[in-house]
Amino acid sequence: MKKTLSRRARVATGGAVLAAVAAGTFGTVAANASAPESAQDATVSAAPAAAAGKRDTTTSTHLTIEAATEAAQAALKAAKKEGQRITVAVVDRNGNTILTMRGDGAGPQSYESAEKKAYTAVSWNAPTSELEGRLENAPNLKDIPGTLFLGGGVPVTAGKAPIAGIGVAGAPSGALDEKFAQAGAAALN
């Protein structure tokens, strides 16, 4: 005896079969989309990076975190001896902050000022007190982002090349800030 399905049952069954076939096809297409089409494509995507030649690179010297910490602590100690509350920042050759230490009681503005003084000193390889004088001839220098042309920043050099900057802020004068930054730099020698 032959059993016949109603029209509704045949449509439902056909739809289910089509859905299953479509899902299987989609899964196959998705799996193949992420796979290379040939062995040659696999070789190309696995090629090693190009190596730079010796004349295409440079080596630079950087302060260690230990040295930066030693310099910052020496600056804080020198300021404490004179009853001053300061913040000291040490930046690398590229002006990136290695560390910033805010001494007990240092003003909130001193944190950013110390970093900017350190950045300015390493950027120009000169103490920021010397750079203040350059503003008379080139007043637009003060508009360079991240800089602060006030006494308190000193460069740290290896050979004659700048490798770091130490910035101090918070004392009542730029001369005192710079004295404490110099104490930090002297601790590295």
N, C-alpha and C. Protein backbone atom coordinates (compact mmCIF):
# COMPACT_ATOMS: atom_id res chain seq x y z
N MET A 1 0.82 -1.14 0.00
CA MET A 1 0.00 0.00 0.00
C MET A 1 0.89 1.24 0.00
N LYS A 2 0.64 2.11 -0.90
CA LYS A 2 1.44 3.32 -1.07
C LYS A 2 0.83 4.42 -0.21
N LYS A 3 1.73 5.06 0.57
CA LYS A 3 1.28 6.12 1.45
C LYS A 3 1.57 7.45 0.77
N THR A 4 0.61 8.34 0.66
CA THR A 4 0.79 9.64 0.03
C THR A 4 0.80 10.72 1.11
N LEU A 5 1.74 11.63 0.92
CA LEU A 5 1.82 12.75 1.85
C LEU A 5 0.95 13.88 1.34
N SER A 6 0.40 14.56 2.26
CA SER A 6 -0.40 15.72 1.87
C SER A 6 0.50 16.79 1.28
N ARG A 7 -0.12 17.68 0.59
CA ARG A 7 0.63 18.77 -0.02
C ARG A 7 1.40 19.55 1.03
N ARG A 8 0.80 19.82 2.14
CA ARG A 8 1.44 20.56 3.22
C ARG A 8 2.66 19.81 3.74
N ALA A 9 2.58 18.49 3.91
CA ALA A 9 3.69 17.67 4.40
C ALA A 9 4.82 17.64 3.38
N ARG A 10 4.45 17.57 2.06
CA ARG A 10 5.49 17.55 1.02
C ARG A 10 6.24 18.89 1.01
N VAL A 11 5.57 20.01 1.15
CA VAL A 11 6.23 21.33 1.16
C VAL A 11 7.15 21.45 2.38
N ALA A 12 6.66 21.00 3.53
CA ALA A 12 7.47 21.07 4.75
C ALA A 12 8.71 20.19 4.62
N THR A 13 8.56 18.99 4.10
CA THR A 13 9.68 18.07 3.94
C THR A 13 10.67 18.63 2.93
N GLY A 14 10.20 19.14 1.82
CA GLY A 14 11.07 19.72 0.79
C GLY A 14 11.84 20.92 1.34
N GLY A 15 11.17 21.74 2.13
CA GLY A 15 11.84 22.90 2.73
C GLY A 15 12.94 22.48 3.67
N ALA A 16 12.68 21.43 4.43
CA ALA A 16 13.69 20.93 5.37
C ALA A 16 14.90 20.40 4.61
N VAL A 17 14.65 19.66 3.51
CA VAL A 17 15.75 19.12 2.70
C VAL A 17 16.55 20.26 2.09
N LEU A 18 15.88 21.27 1.55
CA LEU A 18 16.59 22.42 0.97
C LEU A 18 17.43 23.14 2.03
N ALA A 19 16.89 23.32 3.21
CA ALA A 19 17.63 23.99 4.29
C ALA A 19 18.88 23.20 4.66
N ALA A 20 18.77 21.90 4.72
CA ALA A 20 19.92 21.05 5.07
C ALA A 20 20.99 21.13 3.99
N VAL A 21 20.58 21.10 2.73
CA VAL A 21 21.54 21.19 1.62
C VAL A 21 22.21 22.57 1.63
N ALA A 22 21.41 23.61 1.83
CA ALA A 22 21.97 24.96 1.85
C ALA A 22 22.96 25.13 2.99
N ALA A 23 22.65 24.63 4.16
CA ALA A 23 23.56 24.72 5.31
C ALA A 23 24.85 23.99 5.02
N GLY A 24 24.77 22.84 4.41
CA GLY A 24 25.98 22.08 4.08
C GLY A 24 26.82 22.81 3.05
N THR A 25 26.18 23.40 2.06
CA THR A 25 26.90 24.14 1.02
C THR A 25 27.56 25.38 1.62
N PHE A 26 26.82 26.11 2.46
CA PHE A 26 27.37 27.31 3.07
C PHE A 26 28.57 26.97 3.94
N GLY A 27 28.48 25.91 4.69
CA GLY A 27 29.60 25.48 5.54
C GLY A 27 30.83 25.16 4.73
N THR A 28 30.64 24.51 3.58
CA THR A 28 31.76 24.17 2.71
C THR A 28 32.38 25.43 2.12
N VAL A 29 31.55 26.37 1.67
CA VAL A 29 32.06 27.62 1.10
C VAL A 29 32.82 28.41 2.16
N ALA A 30 32.27 28.51 3.37
CA ALA A 30 32.92 29.25 4.43
C ALA A 30 34.26 28.61 4.80
N ALA A 31 34.32 27.31 4.86
CA ALA A 31 35.56 26.62 5.19
C ALA A 31 36.60 26.84 4.11
N ASN A 32 36.20 26.84 2.84
CA ASN A 32 37.14 27.03 1.75
C ASN A 32 37.59 28.47 1.61
N ALA A 33 36.78 29.42 2.07
CA ALA A 33 37.14 30.83 1.94
C ALA A 33 38.39 31.16 2.74
N SER A 34 38.62 30.47 3.84
CA SER A 34 39.79 30.78 4.65
C SER A 34 41.00 29.94 4.28
N ALA A 35 40.83 28.95 3.48
CA ALA A 35 41.94 28.08 3.09
C ALA A 35 42.57 28.59 1.81
N PRO A 36 43.90 28.46 1.65
CA PRO A 36 44.54 28.89 0.40
C PRO A 36 44.06 28.03 -0.76
N GLU A 37 44.02 28.66 -1.96
CA GLU A 37 43.52 27.95 -3.12
C GLU A 37 44.52 26.96 -3.68
N SER A 38 45.80 27.18 -3.39
CA SER A 38 46.80 26.25 -3.89
C SER A 38 47.99 26.23 -2.95
N ALA A 39 48.87 25.30 -3.17
CA ALA A 39 50.07 25.20 -2.34
C ALA A 39 50.95 26.43 -2.53
N GLN A 40 50.91 27.01 -3.74
CA GLN A 40 51.71 28.20 -4.01
C GLN A 40 51.24 29.36 -3.14
N ASP A 41 49.92 29.53 -2.96
CA ASP A 41 49.40 30.59 -2.11
C ASP A 41 49.88 30.40 -0.68
N ALA A 42 49.94 29.16 -0.22
CA ALA A 42 50.38 28.88 1.15
C ALA A 42 51.83 29.29 1.32
N THR A 43 52.67 29.08 0.29
CA THR A 43 54.07 29.44 0.36
C THR A 43 54.24 30.95 0.42
N VAL A 44 53.48 31.69 -0.35
CA VAL A 44 53.57 33.14 -0.37
C VAL A 44 53.21 33.72 0.99
N SER A 45 52.14 33.24 1.61
CA SER A 45 51.73 33.81 2.88
C SER A 45 52.68 33.45 4.02
N ALA A 46 53.51 32.44 3.84
CA ALA A 46 54.43 32.03 4.89
C ALA A 46 55.84 32.58 4.66
N ALA A 47 56.02 33.49 3.71
CA ALA A 47 57.34 34.03 3.41
C ALA A 47 57.86 34.82 4.61
N PRO A 48 59.16 34.73 4.88
CA PRO A 48 59.73 35.45 6.03
C PRO A 48 59.77 36.95 5.76
N ALA A 49 59.82 37.73 6.83
CA ALA A 49 59.93 39.18 6.71
C ALA A 49 61.29 39.54 6.13
N ALA A 50 61.35 40.66 5.45
CA ALA A 50 62.62 41.11 4.88
C ALA A 50 63.54 41.57 5.99
N ALA A 51 64.80 41.26 5.87
CA ALA A 51 65.80 41.67 6.86
C ALA A 51 66.44 42.98 6.43
N ALA A 52 66.56 43.92 7.36
CA ALA A 52 67.20 45.20 7.07
C ALA A 52 68.71 45.01 7.07
N GLY A 53 69.37 45.72 6.18
CA GLY A 53 70.82 45.66 6.11
C GLY A 53 71.45 46.45 7.25
N LYS A 54 72.71 46.19 7.53
CA LYS A 54 73.40 46.85 8.64
C LYS A 54 73.41 48.37 8.48
N ARG A 55 73.53 48.87 7.28
CA ARG A 55 73.56 50.32 7.07
C ARG A 55 72.18 50.96 7.19
N ASP A 56 71.13 50.13 7.27
CA ASP A 56 69.77 50.64 7.38
C ASP A 56 69.29 50.76 8.82
N THR A 57 70.13 50.44 9.78
CA THR A 57 69.72 50.48 11.18
C THR A 57 70.69 51.33 12.00
N THR A 58 70.27 51.67 13.18
CA THR A 58 71.11 52.41 14.11
C THR A 58 70.91 51.84 15.51
N THR A 59 71.87 52.03 16.33
CA THR A 59 71.79 51.57 17.71
C THR A 59 71.80 52.80 18.60
N SER A 60 70.96 52.80 19.61
CA SER A 60 70.95 53.94 20.52
C SER A 60 71.05 53.45 21.96
N THR A 61 71.47 54.35 22.82
CA THR A 61 71.64 54.04 24.23
C THR A 61 70.44 54.59 24.99
N HIS A 62 69.96 53.81 25.94
CA HIS A 62 68.81 54.22 26.75
C HIS A 62 69.13 54.00 28.22
N LEU A 63 68.53 54.82 29.07
CA LEU A 63 68.65 54.60 30.51
C LEU A 63 67.82 53.39 30.90
N THR A 64 68.32 52.65 31.86
CA THR A 64 67.52 51.56 32.42
C THR A 64 66.53 52.16 33.41
N ILE A 65 65.52 51.41 33.75
CA ILE A 65 64.56 51.88 34.75
C ILE A 65 65.27 52.08 36.09
N GLU A 66 66.26 51.24 36.37
CA GLU A 66 67.02 51.38 37.62
C GLU A 66 67.77 52.71 37.64
N ALA A 67 68.41 53.07 36.54
CA ALA A 67 69.15 54.33 36.47
C ALA A 67 68.21 55.52 36.56
N ALA A 68 67.07 55.44 35.88
CA ALA A 68 66.09 56.53 35.94
C ALA A 68 65.57 56.70 37.36
N THR A 69 65.34 55.60 38.05
CA THR A 69 64.87 55.64 39.43
C THR A 69 65.94 56.25 40.34
N GLU A 70 67.18 55.86 40.13
CA GLU A 70 68.29 56.42 40.92
C GLU A 70 68.39 57.93 40.74
N ALA A 71 68.28 58.39 39.51
CA ALA A 71 68.34 59.83 39.24
C ALA A 71 67.18 60.57 39.89
N ALA A 72 65.99 60.02 39.75
CA ALA A 72 64.80 60.66 40.34
C ALA A 72 64.91 60.73 41.86
N GLN A 73 65.37 59.65 42.47
CA GLN A 73 65.51 59.64 43.93
C GLN A 73 66.57 60.63 44.40
N ALA A 74 67.64 60.78 43.63
CA ALA A 74 68.68 61.75 43.98
C ALA A 74 68.14 63.17 43.91
N ALA A 75 67.32 63.46 42.91
CA ALA A 75 66.71 64.80 42.80
C ALA A 75 65.76 65.05 43.97
N LEU A 76 64.94 64.06 44.29
CA LEU A 76 64.01 64.21 45.42
C LEU A 76 64.77 64.42 46.74
N LYS A 77 65.86 63.69 46.91
CA LYS A 77 66.66 63.80 48.14
C LYS A 77 67.29 65.20 48.25
N ALA A 78 67.82 65.70 47.15
CA ALA A 78 68.42 67.04 47.15
C ALA A 78 67.37 68.10 47.49
N ALA A 79 66.17 67.95 46.96
CA ALA A 79 65.10 68.91 47.25
C ALA A 79 64.65 68.82 48.71
N LYS A 80 64.56 67.63 49.21
CA LYS A 80 64.13 67.43 50.60
C LYS A 80 65.11 68.08 51.57
N LYS A 81 66.42 67.99 51.26
CA LYS A 81 67.45 68.62 52.11
C LYS A 81 67.21 70.12 52.25
N GLU A 82 66.64 70.71 51.21
CA GLU A 82 66.40 72.16 51.22
C GLU A 82 64.94 72.48 51.54
N GLY A 83 64.19 71.47 51.96
CA GLY A 83 62.80 71.71 52.36
C GLY A 83 61.86 72.00 51.21
N GLN A 84 62.20 71.53 50.00
CA GLN A 84 61.37 71.78 48.82
C GLN A 84 60.56 70.55 48.46
N ARG A 85 59.36 70.78 47.99
CA ARG A 85 58.45 69.70 47.57
C ARG A 85 58.36 69.73 46.05
N ILE A 86 58.88 68.71 45.44
CA ILE A 86 58.98 68.69 43.98
C ILE A 86 58.44 67.40 43.39
N THR A 87 58.30 67.45 42.08
CA THR A 87 58.06 66.27 41.27
C THR A 87 59.21 66.17 40.28
N VAL A 88 59.67 64.97 40.04
CA VAL A 88 60.76 64.75 39.08
C VAL A 88 60.29 63.75 38.03
N ALA A 89 60.64 64.02 36.78
CA ALA A 89 60.30 63.13 35.66
C ALA A 89 61.57 62.81 34.88
N VAL A 90 61.63 61.59 34.38
CA VAL A 90 62.73 61.17 33.53
C VAL A 90 62.12 60.63 32.24
N VAL A 91 62.59 61.17 31.11
CA VAL A 91 62.10 60.72 29.80
C VAL A 91 63.26 60.13 29.00
N ASP A 92 62.93 59.27 28.03
CA ASP A 92 63.97 58.69 27.18
C ASP A 92 64.30 59.62 26.03
N ARG A 93 65.17 59.18 25.14
CA ARG A 93 65.62 60.01 24.01
C ARG A 93 64.46 60.47 23.13
N ASN A 94 63.42 59.68 23.06
CA ASN A 94 62.27 60.02 22.22
C ASN A 94 61.23 60.84 22.96
N GLY A 95 61.52 61.20 24.20
CA GLY A 95 60.58 62.00 24.97
C GLY A 95 59.51 61.19 25.68
N ASN A 96 59.60 59.87 25.61
CA ASN A 96 58.63 59.02 26.30
C ASN A 96 58.99 58.95 27.78
N THR A 97 58.01 59.09 28.63
CA THR A 97 58.26 59.09 30.06
C THR A 97 58.69 57.71 30.53
N ILE A 98 59.84 57.66 31.20
CA ILE A 98 60.30 56.43 31.82
C ILE A 98 59.65 56.31 33.19
N LEU A 99 59.71 57.42 33.95
CA LEU A 99 59.04 57.45 35.25
C LEU A 99 58.84 58.88 35.70
N THR A 100 57.87 59.06 36.56
CA THR A 100 57.62 60.34 37.22
C THR A 100 57.37 60.04 38.68
N MET A 101 58.05 60.76 39.56
CA MET A 101 57.86 60.61 41.00
C MET A 101 57.42 61.94 41.58
N ARG A 102 56.26 61.92 42.18
CA ARG A 102 55.74 63.13 42.83
C ARG A 102 56.08 63.05 44.30
N GLY A 103 56.91 63.98 44.76
CA GLY A 103 57.33 63.99 46.15
C GLY A 103 56.18 64.37 47.07
N ASP A 104 56.31 64.01 48.32
CA ASP A 104 55.29 64.35 49.32
C ASP A 104 55.04 65.85 49.33
N GLY A 105 53.80 66.22 49.19
CA GLY A 105 53.41 67.62 49.26
C GLY A 105 53.64 68.43 48.00
N ALA A 106 54.12 67.83 46.93
CA ALA A 106 54.34 68.57 45.68
C ALA A 106 53.00 68.98 45.08
N GLY A 107 52.95 70.15 44.50
CA GLY A 107 51.71 70.67 43.92
C GLY A 107 51.24 69.85 42.73
N PRO A 108 49.94 69.88 42.47
CA PRO A 108 49.40 69.08 41.38
C PRO A 108 49.90 69.49 40.00
N GLN A 109 50.25 70.76 39.81
CA GLN A 109 50.75 71.23 38.52
C GLN A 109 52.15 70.73 38.24
N SER A 110 52.87 70.32 39.28
CA SER A 110 54.28 69.96 39.12
C SER A 110 54.48 68.68 38.32
N TYR A 111 53.50 67.80 38.33
CA TYR A 111 53.62 66.52 37.62
C TYR A 111 53.80 66.75 36.11
N GLU A 112 52.87 67.47 35.52
CA GLU A 112 52.93 67.73 34.07
C GLU A 112 54.10 68.63 33.72
N SER A 113 54.38 69.62 34.56
CA SER A 113 55.48 70.54 34.29
C SER A 113 56.82 69.81 34.27
N ALA A 114 57.03 68.89 35.21
CA ALA A 114 58.29 68.13 35.25
C ALA A 114 58.47 67.32 33.98
N GLU A 115 57.41 66.67 33.52
CA GLU A 115 57.51 65.88 32.29
C GLU A 115 57.83 66.76 31.09
N LYS A 116 57.19 67.92 31.00
CA LYS A 116 57.43 68.82 29.87
C LYS A 116 58.86 69.38 29.90
N LYS A 117 59.36 69.69 31.08
CA LYS A 117 60.73 70.19 31.18
C LYS A 117 61.74 69.11 30.75
N ALA A 118 61.50 67.88 31.18
CA ALA A 118 62.39 66.78 30.78
C ALA A 118 62.36 66.60 29.27
N TYR A 119 61.16 66.62 28.69
CA TYR A 119 60.99 66.47 27.25
C TYR A 119 61.73 67.58 26.50
N THR A 120 61.58 68.81 26.98
CA THR A 120 62.21 69.96 26.32
C THR A 120 63.73 69.85 26.38
N ALA A 121 64.26 69.45 27.54
CA ALA A 121 65.72 69.33 27.69
C ALA A 121 66.31 68.28 26.76
N VAL A 122 65.66 67.12 26.65
CA VAL A 122 66.21 66.08 25.79
C VAL A 122 66.00 66.43 24.31
N SER A 123 64.93 67.12 24.00
CA SER A 123 64.66 67.48 22.60
C SER A 123 65.73 68.41 22.04
N TRP A 124 66.19 69.36 22.84
CA TRP A 124 67.18 70.33 22.38
C TRP A 124 68.57 70.05 22.93
N ASN A 125 68.73 68.99 23.73
CA ASN A 125 70.02 68.64 24.32
C ASN A 125 70.64 69.85 25.02
N ALA A 126 69.81 70.52 25.82
CA ALA A 126 70.28 71.70 26.56
C ALA A 126 69.42 71.88 27.80
N PRO A 127 70.00 72.46 28.84
CA PRO A 127 69.19 72.77 30.01
C PRO A 127 68.08 73.76 29.64
N THR A 128 66.93 73.60 30.24
CA THR A 128 65.81 74.48 29.87
C THR A 128 66.04 75.92 30.27
N SER A 129 66.91 76.18 31.25
CA SER A 129 67.22 77.57 31.61
C SER A 129 67.92 78.27 30.44
N GLU A 130 68.77 77.55 29.70
CA GLU A 130 69.41 78.12 28.51
C GLU A 130 68.40 78.34 27.40
N LEU A 131 67.45 77.45 27.31
CA LEU A 131 66.46 77.53 26.23
C LEU A 131 65.49 78.69 26.45
N GLU A 132 65.29 79.09 27.69
CA GLU A 132 64.41 80.24 27.98
C GLU A 132 64.85 81.46 27.18
N GLY A 133 66.16 81.68 27.12
CA GLY A 133 66.70 82.84 26.40
C GLY A 133 66.40 82.81 24.91
N ARG A 134 66.23 81.62 24.35
CA ARG A 134 65.95 81.51 22.91
C ARG A 134 64.57 82.04 22.54
N LEU A 135 63.69 82.13 23.53
CA LEU A 135 62.33 82.62 23.26
C LEU A 135 62.32 84.08 22.82
N GLU A 136 63.34 84.84 23.23
CA GLU A 136 63.40 86.24 22.81
C GLU A 136 63.52 86.36 21.29
N ASN A 137 64.33 85.49 20.70
CA ASN A 137 64.54 85.52 19.25
C ASN A 137 63.52 84.67 18.48
N ALA A 138 62.96 83.69 19.15
CA ALA A 138 62.01 82.78 18.49
C ALA A 138 60.84 82.48 19.45
N PRO A 139 59.95 83.46 19.64
CA PRO A 139 58.87 83.28 20.62
C PRO A 139 57.91 82.13 20.29
N ASN A 140 57.88 81.68 19.06
CA ASN A 140 56.98 80.59 18.67
C ASN A 140 57.45 79.23 19.19
N LEU A 141 58.68 79.14 19.69
CA LEU A 141 59.15 77.88 20.25
C LEU A 141 58.23 77.39 21.35
N LYS A 142 57.68 78.32 22.13
CA LYS A 142 56.82 77.94 23.25
C LYS A 142 55.53 77.26 22.78
N ASP A 143 55.22 77.38 21.50
CA ASP A 143 54.00 76.78 20.96
C ASP A 143 54.17 75.32 20.54
N ILE A 144 55.37 74.79 20.62
CA ILE A 144 55.60 73.40 20.25
C ILE A 144 54.97 72.51 21.32
N PRO A 145 54.08 71.62 20.92
CA PRO A 145 53.37 70.77 21.90
C PRO A 145 54.32 69.97 22.80
N GLY A 146 53.98 69.92 24.07
CA GLY A 146 54.72 69.11 25.02
C GLY A 146 55.95 69.76 25.62
N THR A 147 56.25 71.01 25.22
CA THR A 147 57.46 71.67 25.71
C THR A 147 57.13 72.69 26.80
N LEU A 148 58.14 73.00 27.60
CA LEU A 148 58.01 74.03 28.63
C LEU A 148 59.38 74.67 28.80
N PHE A 149 59.47 75.93 28.44
CA PHE A 149 60.74 76.66 28.46
C PHE A 149 60.89 77.43 29.76
N LEU A 150 61.00 76.67 30.85
CA LEU A 150 61.27 77.21 32.17
C LEU A 150 62.40 76.41 32.77
N GLY A 151 63.22 77.04 33.60
CA GLY A 151 64.32 76.33 34.24
C GLY A 151 63.82 75.11 34.99
N GLY A 152 64.61 74.04 34.96
CA GLY A 152 64.26 72.82 35.68
C GLY A 152 64.45 71.55 34.91
N GLY A 153 64.86 71.66 33.65
CA GLY A 153 65.09 70.46 32.84
C GLY A 153 66.54 70.37 32.41
N VAL A 154 67.12 69.17 32.48
CA VAL A 154 68.50 68.97 32.03
C VAL A 154 68.57 67.70 31.18
N PRO A 155 69.42 67.73 30.16
CA PRO A 155 69.59 66.51 29.36
C PRO A 155 70.59 65.57 30.03
N VAL A 156 70.48 64.31 29.71
CA VAL A 156 71.46 63.30 30.11
C VAL A 156 72.07 62.81 28.80
N THR A 157 73.39 62.77 28.74
CA THR A 157 74.06 62.39 27.50
C THR A 157 74.93 61.17 27.68
N ALA A 158 75.17 60.49 26.57
CA ALA A 158 76.16 59.41 26.48
C ALA A 158 77.04 59.83 25.33
N GLY A 159 78.32 60.06 25.61
CA GLY A 159 79.15 60.71 24.62
C GLY A 159 78.66 62.15 24.57
N LYS A 160 78.29 62.60 23.42
CA LYS A 160 77.70 63.94 23.32
C LYS A 160 76.24 63.87 22.89
N ALA A 161 75.72 62.67 22.77
CA ALA A 161 74.35 62.49 22.30
C ALA A 161 73.36 62.43 23.47
N PRO A 162 72.24 63.12 23.36
CA PRO A 162 71.25 63.05 24.43
C PRO A 162 70.57 61.68 24.46
N ILE A 163 70.44 61.12 25.66
CA ILE A 163 69.77 59.81 25.79
C ILE A 163 68.57 59.88 26.72
N ALA A 164 68.45 60.99 27.47
CA ALA A 164 67.34 61.13 28.40
C ALA A 164 67.24 62.59 28.83
N GLY A 165 66.15 62.91 29.50
CA GLY A 165 65.98 64.23 30.08
C GLY A 165 65.42 64.07 31.48
N ILE A 166 65.85 64.94 32.38
CA ILE A 166 65.33 64.95 33.75
C ILE A 166 64.68 66.31 33.94
N GLY A 167 63.44 66.29 34.38
CA GLY A 167 62.72 67.53 34.63
C GLY A 167 62.24 67.59 36.07
N VAL A 168 62.36 68.75 36.68
CA VAL A 168 61.91 68.96 38.05
C VAL A 168 61.00 70.18 38.07
N ALA A 169 59.94 70.08 38.83
CA ALA A 169 59.02 71.21 39.00
C ALA A 169 58.48 71.20 40.43
N GLY A 170 58.15 72.38 40.91
CA GLY A 170 57.54 72.48 42.24
C GLY A 170 58.27 73.41 43.18
N ALA A 171 59.56 73.64 42.97
CA ALA A 171 60.30 74.57 43.83
C ALA A 171 59.87 75.99 43.45
N PRO A 172 60.14 76.96 44.30
CA PRO A 172 59.69 78.32 44.02
C PRO A 172 60.39 79.02 42.85
N SER A 173 61.45 78.41 42.30
CA SER A 173 62.11 79.03 41.14
C SER A 173 62.63 77.96 40.20
N GLY A 174 62.77 78.36 38.95
CA GLY A 174 63.34 77.46 37.95
C GLY A 174 64.79 77.13 38.26
N ALA A 175 65.50 78.08 38.89
CA ALA A 175 66.90 77.83 39.25
C ALA A 175 67.00 76.70 40.26
N LEU A 176 66.10 76.68 41.25
CA LEU A 176 66.11 75.58 42.22
C LEU A 176 65.70 74.27 41.56
N ASP A 177 64.66 74.31 40.72
CA ASP A 177 64.24 73.10 40.01
C ASP A 177 65.42 72.52 39.23
N GLU A 178 66.14 73.38 38.55
CA GLU A 178 67.26 72.90 37.73
C GLU A 178 68.40 72.37 38.60
N LYS A 179 68.62 73.00 39.75
CA LYS A 179 69.64 72.51 40.69
C LYS A 179 69.33 71.07 41.10
N PHE A 180 68.06 70.78 41.36
CA PHE A 180 67.66 69.43 41.78
C PHE A 180 67.72 68.44 40.60
N ALA A 181 67.38 68.91 39.41
CA ALA A 181 67.50 68.06 38.22
C ALA A 181 68.97 67.72 37.96
N GLN A 182 69.87 68.71 38.17
CA GLN A 182 71.32 68.46 38.02
C GLN A 182 71.80 67.44 39.03
N ALA A 183 71.25 67.48 40.25
CA ALA A 183 71.62 66.48 41.27
C ALA A 183 71.21 65.10 40.81
N GLY A 184 70.06 64.99 40.16
CA GLY A 184 69.63 63.71 39.61
C GLY A 184 70.55 63.23 38.52
N ALA A 185 70.93 64.12 37.62
CA ALA A 185 71.84 63.75 36.53
C ALA A 185 73.22 63.36 37.07
N ALA A 186 73.68 64.08 38.10
CA ALA A 186 74.99 63.78 38.68
C ALA A 186 75.03 62.39 39.31
N ALA A 187 73.90 61.90 39.78
CA ALA A 187 73.84 60.56 40.38
C ALA A 187 74.12 59.47 39.37
N LEU A 188 74.03 59.79 38.08
CA LEU A 188 74.24 58.79 37.03
C LEU A 188 75.71 58.68 36.65
N ASN A 189 76.54 59.61 37.08
CA ASN A 189 77.97 59.58 36.70
C ASN A 189 78.81 58.78 37.64
